[in-house]
N, C-alpha and C. Protein backbone atom coordinates (compact mmCIF):
# COMPACT_ATOMS: atom_id res chain seq x y z
N MET A 1 115.84 129.08 85.69
CA MET A 1 115.92 127.73 85.30
C MET A 1 116.09 127.66 83.79
N ILE A 2 115.75 128.79 82.96
CA ILE A 2 116.54 128.89 81.59
C ILE A 2 117.93 128.83 81.72
N GLY A 3 118.56 129.53 82.52
CA GLY A 3 119.72 129.35 82.66
C GLY A 3 120.60 127.94 82.84
N LEU A 4 120.04 127.27 83.54
CA LEU A 4 120.40 125.68 83.88
C LEU A 4 119.87 125.30 82.67
N TRP A 5 119.32 125.31 82.02
CA TRP A 5 118.69 124.51 80.58
C TRP A 5 119.91 125.06 79.50
N LEU A 6 120.05 126.27 79.67
CA LEU A 6 121.52 126.68 78.70
C LEU A 6 122.98 126.49 78.65
N ALA A 7 123.17 126.10 79.89
CA ALA A 7 124.28 125.73 80.52
C ALA A 7 124.41 124.36 80.29
N ALA A 8 123.57 123.17 80.35
CA ALA A 8 123.44 121.96 80.22
C ALA A 8 123.50 121.76 78.64
N ILE A 9 122.90 122.67 77.87
CA ILE A 9 122.87 122.56 76.21
C ILE A 9 124.46 122.78 75.83
N LEU A 10 124.76 124.11 76.48
CA LEU A 10 126.29 124.36 75.91
C LEU A 10 127.29 123.28 76.37
N ALA A 11 127.16 122.78 78.10
CA ALA A 11 128.05 121.80 78.16
C ALA A 11 127.86 120.15 77.21
N VAL A 12 126.62 119.90 76.88
CA VAL A 12 126.53 119.10 75.89
C VAL A 12 127.28 119.20 74.52
N LEU A 13 127.01 120.61 74.24
CA LEU A 13 127.92 121.00 72.76
C LEU A 13 129.20 120.68 72.97
N LEU A 14 129.81 121.28 73.87
CA LEU A 14 131.20 121.17 74.49
C LEU A 14 131.67 119.90 74.16
N SER A 15 130.92 119.05 75.13
CA SER A 15 131.40 117.80 74.93
C SER A 15 131.66 117.05 73.70
N PHE A 16 130.27 117.45 73.11
CA PHE A 16 130.42 116.66 71.45
C PHE A 16 131.36 117.29 70.67
N VAL A 17 131.90 118.70 71.12
CA VAL A 17 132.67 118.96 70.21
C VAL A 17 134.01 118.29 70.42
N ALA A 18 134.48 118.37 71.67
CA ALA A 18 135.63 117.56 72.48
C ALA A 18 135.67 116.26 72.00
N ASP A 19 134.54 115.57 72.04
CA ASP A 19 134.86 113.89 72.02
C ASP A 19 133.65 113.31 71.39
N ARG A 20 133.17 113.37 70.19
CA ARG A 20 131.94 113.02 69.88
C ARG A 20 131.87 111.40 70.19
N ARG A 21 132.40 110.70 69.87
CA ARG A 21 132.62 109.20 70.14
C ARG A 21 132.14 108.99 71.46
N ARG A 22 132.63 109.62 72.41
CA ARG A 22 131.92 109.47 74.05
C ARG A 22 130.79 110.14 74.33
N THR A 23 130.31 111.28 73.72
CA THR A 23 129.45 112.00 73.95
C THR A 23 128.09 111.31 73.39
N LEU A 24 128.16 110.95 72.40
CA LEU A 24 127.08 110.24 71.88
C LEU A 24 126.33 109.10 72.80
N PRO A 25 127.22 107.95 73.27
CA PRO A 25 126.63 107.11 73.84
C PRO A 25 126.29 107.28 75.02
N ALA A 26 126.81 108.26 75.80
CA ALA A 26 126.45 108.98 76.97
C ALA A 26 124.99 109.30 76.94
N LEU A 27 124.86 110.35 75.77
CA LEU A 27 123.34 110.72 75.79
C LEU A 27 122.75 109.57 75.49
N ARG A 28 122.80 108.26 74.69
CA ARG A 28 122.04 107.36 74.46
C ARG A 28 121.79 106.58 75.88
N ARG A 29 122.70 106.40 76.34
CA ARG A 29 122.79 106.03 77.97
C ARG A 29 121.64 106.84 78.86
N ALA A 30 121.69 108.20 78.66
CA ALA A 30 120.71 108.97 79.33
C ALA A 30 119.12 108.64 79.00
N LEU A 31 119.34 108.73 77.65
CA LEU A 31 117.80 108.77 77.31
C LEU A 31 116.97 107.16 77.58
N ARG A 32 118.21 106.48 77.87
CA ARG A 32 117.36 104.72 77.96
C ARG A 32 117.22 104.71 79.44
N GLY A 33 118.15 105.83 80.57
CA GLY A 33 117.64 106.00 81.84
C GLY A 33 116.35 106.79 81.97
N PHE A 34 116.12 107.37 81.61
CA PHE A 34 115.20 108.79 81.33
C PHE A 34 113.85 107.59 81.29
N LEU A 35 113.71 106.89 79.94
CA LEU A 35 112.89 105.96 79.43
C LEU A 35 112.39 105.27 80.50
N GLY A 36 113.85 104.66 80.96
CA GLY A 36 113.20 103.77 82.27
C GLY A 36 112.73 104.32 83.36
N LEU A 37 112.80 105.28 83.62
CA LEU A 37 112.05 106.03 84.85
C LEU A 37 110.50 106.73 84.50
N LEU A 38 110.33 106.89 83.21
CA LEU A 38 109.38 107.58 82.71
C LEU A 38 107.73 106.93 83.22
N PRO A 39 107.71 105.71 83.30
CA PRO A 39 106.80 105.05 83.98
C PRO A 39 106.39 105.41 85.28
N ALA A 40 107.43 105.30 86.33
CA ALA A 40 107.28 105.68 87.50
C ALA A 40 106.80 106.94 87.81
N LEU A 41 107.80 108.29 86.69
CA LEU A 41 107.64 109.45 86.90
C LEU A 41 105.71 110.05 86.42
N ILE A 42 105.54 109.06 85.56
CA ILE A 42 103.98 109.47 85.17
C ILE A 42 103.27 108.87 86.04
N GLY A 43 103.37 107.86 86.59
CA GLY A 43 102.36 107.32 87.78
C GLY A 43 102.46 108.43 89.19
N THR A 44 103.62 109.00 89.69
CA THR A 44 103.98 109.80 90.28
C THR A 44 103.28 110.80 90.28
N LEU A 45 103.18 111.75 88.88
CA LEU A 45 102.37 112.68 88.55
C LEU A 45 100.81 112.60 88.67
N ALA A 46 100.17 111.35 88.28
CA ALA A 46 98.90 111.13 88.40
C ALA A 46 98.70 110.79 89.72
N ALA A 47 99.33 110.46 90.77
CA ALA A 47 98.94 110.32 91.96
C ALA A 47 99.23 111.54 92.57
N THR A 48 99.85 112.43 92.00
CA THR A 48 99.84 113.91 92.96
C THR A 48 99.10 114.69 92.49
N SER A 49 98.41 114.30 91.19
CA SER A 49 97.10 115.06 90.70
C SER A 49 95.88 114.57 91.33
N LEU A 50 95.62 113.25 91.54
CA LEU A 50 94.82 112.90 92.68
C LEU A 50 94.71 113.44 93.83
N VAL A 51 95.81 113.76 94.26
CA VAL A 51 96.04 114.27 96.22
C VAL A 51 95.55 115.78 95.65
N LEU A 52 96.12 116.42 94.83
CA LEU A 52 95.74 117.68 95.09
C LEU A 52 94.52 118.13 94.56
N ALA A 53 94.18 117.16 94.04
CA ALA A 53 92.64 117.49 93.56
C ALA A 53 91.51 117.06 94.97
N ALA A 54 92.09 116.17 95.76
CA ALA A 54 91.52 115.87 96.82
C ALA A 54 91.47 116.82 97.98
N LEU A 55 92.51 117.54 98.42
CA LEU A 55 93.01 118.12 99.07
C LEU A 55 93.03 119.82 98.68
N ASP A 56 91.80 120.70 99.22
CA ASP A 56 91.78 121.74 98.77
C ASP A 56 92.06 122.75 100.01
N PRO A 57 92.20 123.70 99.50
CA PRO A 57 93.11 124.80 100.65
C PRO A 57 91.77 124.93 101.91
N ALA A 58 91.21 124.83 101.74
CA ALA A 58 89.96 124.96 102.96
C ALA A 58 90.32 123.69 103.94
N THR A 59 89.88 122.84 103.42
CA THR A 59 90.50 121.38 103.94
C THR A 59 91.47 121.77 104.96
N LEU A 60 92.94 121.86 104.48
CA LEU A 60 94.01 121.98 104.92
C LEU A 60 93.81 122.97 106.05
N GLU A 61 93.47 124.39 105.65
CA GLU A 61 93.13 125.37 107.00
C GLU A 61 92.37 124.67 108.09
N SER A 62 91.48 124.10 107.77
CA SER A 62 90.92 123.76 108.90
C SER A 62 91.56 122.47 109.42
N VAL A 63 92.07 121.55 109.30
CA VAL A 63 93.07 120.78 110.01
C VAL A 63 94.17 121.25 110.54
N LEU A 64 95.05 121.99 109.81
CA LEU A 64 96.17 122.41 110.59
C LEU A 64 95.94 123.72 111.48
N ALA A 65 94.62 124.53 111.92
CA ALA A 65 94.74 125.69 112.33
C ALA A 65 94.93 124.98 113.86
N GLY A 66 95.10 125.72 114.59
CA GLY A 66 95.37 125.09 116.24
C GLY A 66 96.61 125.11 116.50
N GLU A 67 96.87 124.48 117.78
CA GLU A 67 98.11 124.31 118.56
C GLU A 67 98.24 123.18 119.23
N GLY A 68 99.20 122.44 119.83
CA GLY A 68 99.45 121.09 120.02
C GLY A 68 100.05 120.28 119.17
N LEU A 69 100.09 119.10 119.82
CA LEU A 69 100.75 117.87 118.88
C LEU A 69 100.32 117.23 117.92
N LEU A 70 98.47 117.32 118.01
CA LEU A 70 98.02 116.66 117.01
C LEU A 70 98.24 117.52 115.71
N PRO A 71 97.75 118.91 115.79
CA PRO A 71 97.86 119.38 114.41
C PRO A 71 99.27 119.46 113.80
N VAL A 72 100.23 119.55 114.75
CA VAL A 72 101.70 118.91 114.12
C VAL A 72 101.96 117.82 113.59
N VAL A 73 101.30 116.43 113.95
CA VAL A 73 101.47 115.42 113.52
C VAL A 73 100.62 115.55 112.32
N ILE A 74 99.16 115.82 112.11
CA ILE A 74 98.59 115.84 110.93
C ILE A 74 99.41 116.84 109.92
N ALA A 75 100.00 117.88 110.55
CA ALA A 75 100.88 118.91 109.29
C ALA A 75 101.83 117.99 108.58
N ILE A 76 102.49 117.34 109.58
CA ILE A 76 103.77 116.56 108.82
C ILE A 76 103.59 115.20 108.12
N GLY A 77 102.16 114.55 108.64
CA GLY A 77 101.86 113.56 107.54
C GLY A 77 101.12 114.23 106.31
N VAL A 78 100.52 115.16 106.33
CA VAL A 78 99.76 115.76 104.99
C VAL A 78 100.98 116.26 104.26
N GLY A 79 102.21 116.96 104.60
CA GLY A 79 103.55 117.36 104.00
C GLY A 79 104.32 116.21 103.44
N SER A 80 104.05 115.02 104.06
CA SER A 80 104.81 113.80 103.80
C SER A 80 104.00 113.47 102.16
N VAL A 81 102.75 113.52 102.18
CA VAL A 81 101.79 112.98 101.20
C VAL A 81 101.84 113.67 100.18
N ALA A 82 101.57 114.81 100.49
CA ALA A 82 101.30 115.87 99.33
C ALA A 82 102.85 116.26 98.76
N LEU A 83 102.24 116.62 97.80
CA LEU A 83 103.53 116.96 96.44
C LEU A 83 103.41 118.56 95.98
N ILE A 84 103.62 119.30 96.76
CA ILE A 84 103.09 120.73 96.43
C ILE A 84 104.72 121.26 96.16
N PRO A 85 104.96 122.09 94.88
CA PRO A 85 105.77 122.79 94.68
C PRO A 85 105.90 123.97 95.67
N GLY A 86 107.70 124.45 96.07
CA GLY A 86 107.53 125.58 97.04
C GLY A 86 107.03 127.08 96.71
N PHE A 87 106.72 127.16 95.72
CA PHE A 87 106.27 128.35 95.14
C PHE A 87 104.50 128.38 95.48
N ILE A 88 104.01 127.21 95.71
CA ILE A 88 102.59 127.32 96.22
C ILE A 88 102.48 126.96 97.63
N ALA A 89 103.68 126.23 98.23
CA ALA A 89 103.49 125.84 99.22
C ALA A 89 103.92 127.27 100.44
N TYR A 90 104.79 127.95 100.23
CA TYR A 90 105.12 129.02 101.17
C TYR A 90 104.00 130.10 101.18
N PRO A 91 103.39 130.27 100.40
CA PRO A 91 102.29 130.90 100.19
C PRO A 91 101.07 130.74 100.78
N LEU A 92 100.81 129.37 100.67
CA LEU A 92 100.05 128.45 101.48
C LEU A 92 100.37 128.73 102.91
N ALA A 93 101.58 128.45 103.34
CA ALA A 93 101.93 128.67 104.87
C ALA A 93 101.55 129.76 105.49
N GLY A 94 101.48 131.34 104.64
CA GLY A 94 101.39 132.25 104.83
C GLY A 94 99.89 131.99 105.38
N ILE A 95 98.95 131.79 104.24
CA ILE A 95 97.73 131.71 104.67
C ILE A 95 97.35 130.76 105.56
N LEU A 96 97.75 129.76 105.85
CA LEU A 96 97.50 129.24 107.04
C LEU A 96 97.85 129.78 108.25
N ARG A 97 98.92 130.82 108.46
CA ARG A 97 99.18 131.34 109.59
C ARG A 97 98.09 132.50 109.77
N ASP A 98 97.81 132.79 108.89
CA ASP A 98 96.82 133.85 108.92
C ASP A 98 95.38 133.16 109.53
N GLN A 99 95.20 132.03 109.20
CA GLN A 99 93.94 131.09 109.61
C GLN A 99 94.16 130.69 110.91
N GLY A 100 95.48 130.79 111.56
CA GLY A 100 95.50 130.50 112.87
C GLY A 100 96.49 129.47 113.04
N ALA A 101 97.27 128.92 112.18
CA ALA A 101 97.92 127.71 112.23
C ALA A 101 99.39 128.51 112.99
N SER A 102 99.91 127.48 114.01
CA SER A 102 101.23 127.83 114.64
C SER A 102 102.29 127.83 114.02
N ILE A 103 103.44 128.49 114.10
CA ILE A 103 104.53 128.49 113.78
C ILE A 103 105.12 126.74 113.81
N PRO A 104 104.95 126.10 115.17
CA PRO A 104 105.65 124.58 114.93
C PRO A 104 104.82 123.88 113.99
N VAL A 105 103.67 124.27 114.02
CA VAL A 105 102.77 123.18 112.71
C VAL A 105 103.23 123.44 111.55
N LEU A 106 103.60 125.02 111.18
CA LEU A 106 103.94 125.18 109.71
C LEU A 106 105.28 124.73 109.41
N ALA A 107 105.97 124.51 110.56
CA ALA A 107 107.59 124.32 110.42
C ALA A 107 107.32 122.94 110.22
N GLY A 108 106.64 121.94 110.57
CA GLY A 108 106.42 120.81 110.54
C GLY A 108 106.06 120.39 108.97
N PHE A 109 104.95 121.11 108.73
CA PHE A 109 104.37 121.00 107.35
C PHE A 109 105.28 121.14 106.23
N LEU A 110 105.82 122.32 106.39
CA LEU A 110 106.99 122.69 105.29
C LEU A 110 108.05 122.03 105.34
N THR A 111 108.59 121.48 106.36
CA THR A 111 109.77 120.94 106.07
C THR A 111 109.29 119.54 105.86
N SER A 112 108.56 118.62 106.03
CA SER A 112 108.07 117.36 105.63
C SER A 112 107.64 117.38 104.15
N LEU A 113 106.84 118.35 103.92
CA LEU A 113 106.38 118.80 102.41
C LEU A 113 107.86 118.82 101.51
N MET A 114 108.65 119.41 101.92
CA MET A 114 110.06 119.62 101.14
C MET A 114 110.83 118.54 101.21
N MET A 115 110.79 117.78 102.34
CA MET A 115 112.16 116.70 102.25
C MET A 115 111.36 115.22 102.55
N VAL A 116 110.28 114.78 102.57
CA VAL A 116 109.41 114.00 102.50
C VAL A 116 109.00 113.36 101.51
N GLY A 117 108.85 112.33 100.67
CA GLY A 117 108.45 112.29 99.71
C GLY A 117 107.64 110.70 99.35
N VAL A 118 106.30 110.52 99.91
CA VAL A 118 105.69 109.41 99.92
C VAL A 118 105.35 108.83 98.72
N LEU A 119 104.75 110.19 97.72
CA LEU A 119 104.29 109.88 96.48
C LEU A 119 105.30 109.75 95.39
N THR A 120 106.75 110.25 95.88
CA THR A 120 107.61 110.04 94.79
C THR A 120 108.66 108.84 95.26
N LEU A 121 108.38 108.24 96.17
CA LEU A 121 109.38 106.89 96.93
C LEU A 121 109.43 105.88 95.84
N PRO A 122 108.58 105.57 94.79
CA PRO A 122 108.66 104.75 93.68
C PRO A 122 109.83 104.87 93.04
N VAL A 123 109.76 106.39 92.45
CA VAL A 123 110.96 106.96 91.55
C VAL A 123 112.14 106.94 92.20
N GLU A 124 112.10 107.41 93.49
CA GLU A 124 113.36 107.64 93.95
C GLU A 124 113.88 105.89 94.68
N ALA A 125 113.31 105.10 94.84
CA ALA A 125 113.73 103.60 94.86
C ALA A 125 113.81 103.02 93.91
N LYS A 126 113.88 103.83 92.50
CA LYS A 126 114.20 103.11 91.38
C LYS A 126 115.48 103.39 91.25
N VAL A 127 115.80 105.08 91.82
CA VAL A 127 117.29 105.26 91.35
C VAL A 127 118.28 104.91 92.51
N LEU A 128 117.58 104.86 93.71
CA LEU A 128 118.65 104.55 95.09
C LEU A 128 118.44 103.19 95.51
N GLY A 129 117.23 102.80 95.20
CA GLY A 129 117.36 101.64 95.86
C GLY A 129 116.26 101.33 96.75
N TRP A 130 115.10 100.47 97.48
CA TRP A 130 114.24 100.71 98.20
C TRP A 130 114.91 100.82 99.58
N ARG A 131 115.85 100.28 100.21
CA ARG A 131 116.37 100.72 101.49
C ARG A 131 116.97 102.02 101.67
N VAL A 132 117.58 102.48 100.46
CA VAL A 132 118.30 103.68 100.95
C VAL A 132 117.15 104.86 100.77
N ALA A 133 115.85 104.50 99.64
CA ALA A 133 114.92 105.41 99.53
C ALA A 133 114.30 105.48 101.14
N LEU A 134 113.76 104.31 101.68
CA LEU A 134 113.04 104.49 102.54
C LEU A 134 113.74 105.26 104.05
N LEU A 135 114.96 104.77 103.99
CA LEU A 135 115.83 105.21 105.16
C LEU A 135 115.87 106.79 105.19
N ARG A 136 116.23 107.51 103.66
CA ARG A 136 116.30 108.89 103.32
C ARG A 136 114.69 109.47 104.01
N ASN A 137 113.68 109.00 103.24
CA ASN A 137 112.62 109.22 103.78
C ASN A 137 112.06 109.10 105.20
N LEU A 138 112.48 107.95 105.97
CA LEU A 138 112.38 108.19 107.28
C LEU A 138 113.26 109.06 107.96
N LEU A 139 114.33 109.39 107.91
CA LEU A 139 115.45 110.40 108.40
C LEU A 139 114.82 111.64 108.11
N ALA A 140 114.27 112.17 107.05
CA ALA A 140 113.28 113.06 106.85
C ALA A 140 112.38 113.33 107.57
N LEU A 141 111.43 112.26 107.48
CA LEU A 141 110.64 112.24 108.85
C LEU A 141 110.79 112.78 109.81
N VAL A 142 111.93 112.11 110.56
CA VAL A 142 112.33 112.77 111.85
C VAL A 142 112.70 113.90 111.80
N GLY A 143 113.35 114.41 110.91
CA GLY A 143 113.77 115.62 110.77
C GLY A 143 112.83 116.75 111.03
N ALA A 144 112.03 116.31 110.21
CA ALA A 144 110.66 117.21 110.28
C ALA A 144 110.28 117.49 111.75
N ALA A 145 109.72 116.41 112.36
CA ALA A 145 109.92 116.19 113.77
C ALA A 145 110.44 117.11 114.66
N VAL A 146 112.08 116.96 114.33
CA VAL A 146 112.81 117.82 115.18
C VAL A 146 112.71 119.09 114.88
N VAL A 147 112.35 119.53 113.72
CA VAL A 147 112.24 121.07 113.23
C VAL A 147 110.94 121.66 114.08
N SER A 148 109.88 120.63 113.92
CA SER A 148 108.70 121.34 114.94
C SER A 148 108.93 121.41 116.24
N ALA A 149 109.87 120.58 116.99
CA ALA A 149 110.04 120.70 118.31
C ALA A 149 110.71 121.41 118.40
N GLY A 150 111.76 121.66 117.60
CA GLY A 150 112.51 122.67 117.95
C GLY A 150 111.78 124.14 117.80
N MET A 151 111.14 124.45 116.61
CA MET A 151 110.14 125.78 117.03
C MET A 151 109.49 125.72 118.36
N THR A 152 108.74 124.76 118.57
CA THR A 152 107.86 124.72 119.91
C THR A 152 108.72 125.35 121.13
N TRP A 153 109.96 124.63 121.13
CA TRP A 153 110.96 124.83 122.12
C TRP A 153 111.26 126.35 122.20
N VAL A 154 111.90 126.54 120.84
CA VAL A 154 112.55 128.29 120.77
C VAL A 154 111.31 129.21 121.07
N LEU A 155 110.01 128.99 120.58
CA LEU A 155 108.77 129.88 120.69
C LEU A 155 108.28 129.77 122.07
N GLY A 156 108.71 128.83 122.70
CA GLY A 156 107.99 128.54 124.20
C GLY A 156 106.73 127.88 124.23
């Protein structure tokens, strides 16, 4: 992550040296865009905090343990709403697996967690428009179901 920050700073500096008159307006435009998204980002962070406070790992374990269609549907639903970073989600999946969650349940949970963003939808809609944001999320939801079904088929 630090490498990306350094690369971005270096690129801005190089752009500034190459053409100061074009770099400054571009930085102002970028700042205006960020400030325009800031209210939606703050709302998303607040909603995420509330969801994470309401969902404790023990509840997730009890809901997602088991096999069959219902745990898969619940897992995809929880993954769609929850906003958990990958470095927490993958160890959580290991814990859920140890507690008895099946691979198709975990596949649906992780896929929807990483691809579907119900809580981030307002931010995404502000950037892409509601139609594209909803379509992307719907396709991601279908993709999570396909991945889960594929794991069910592969594992028999």
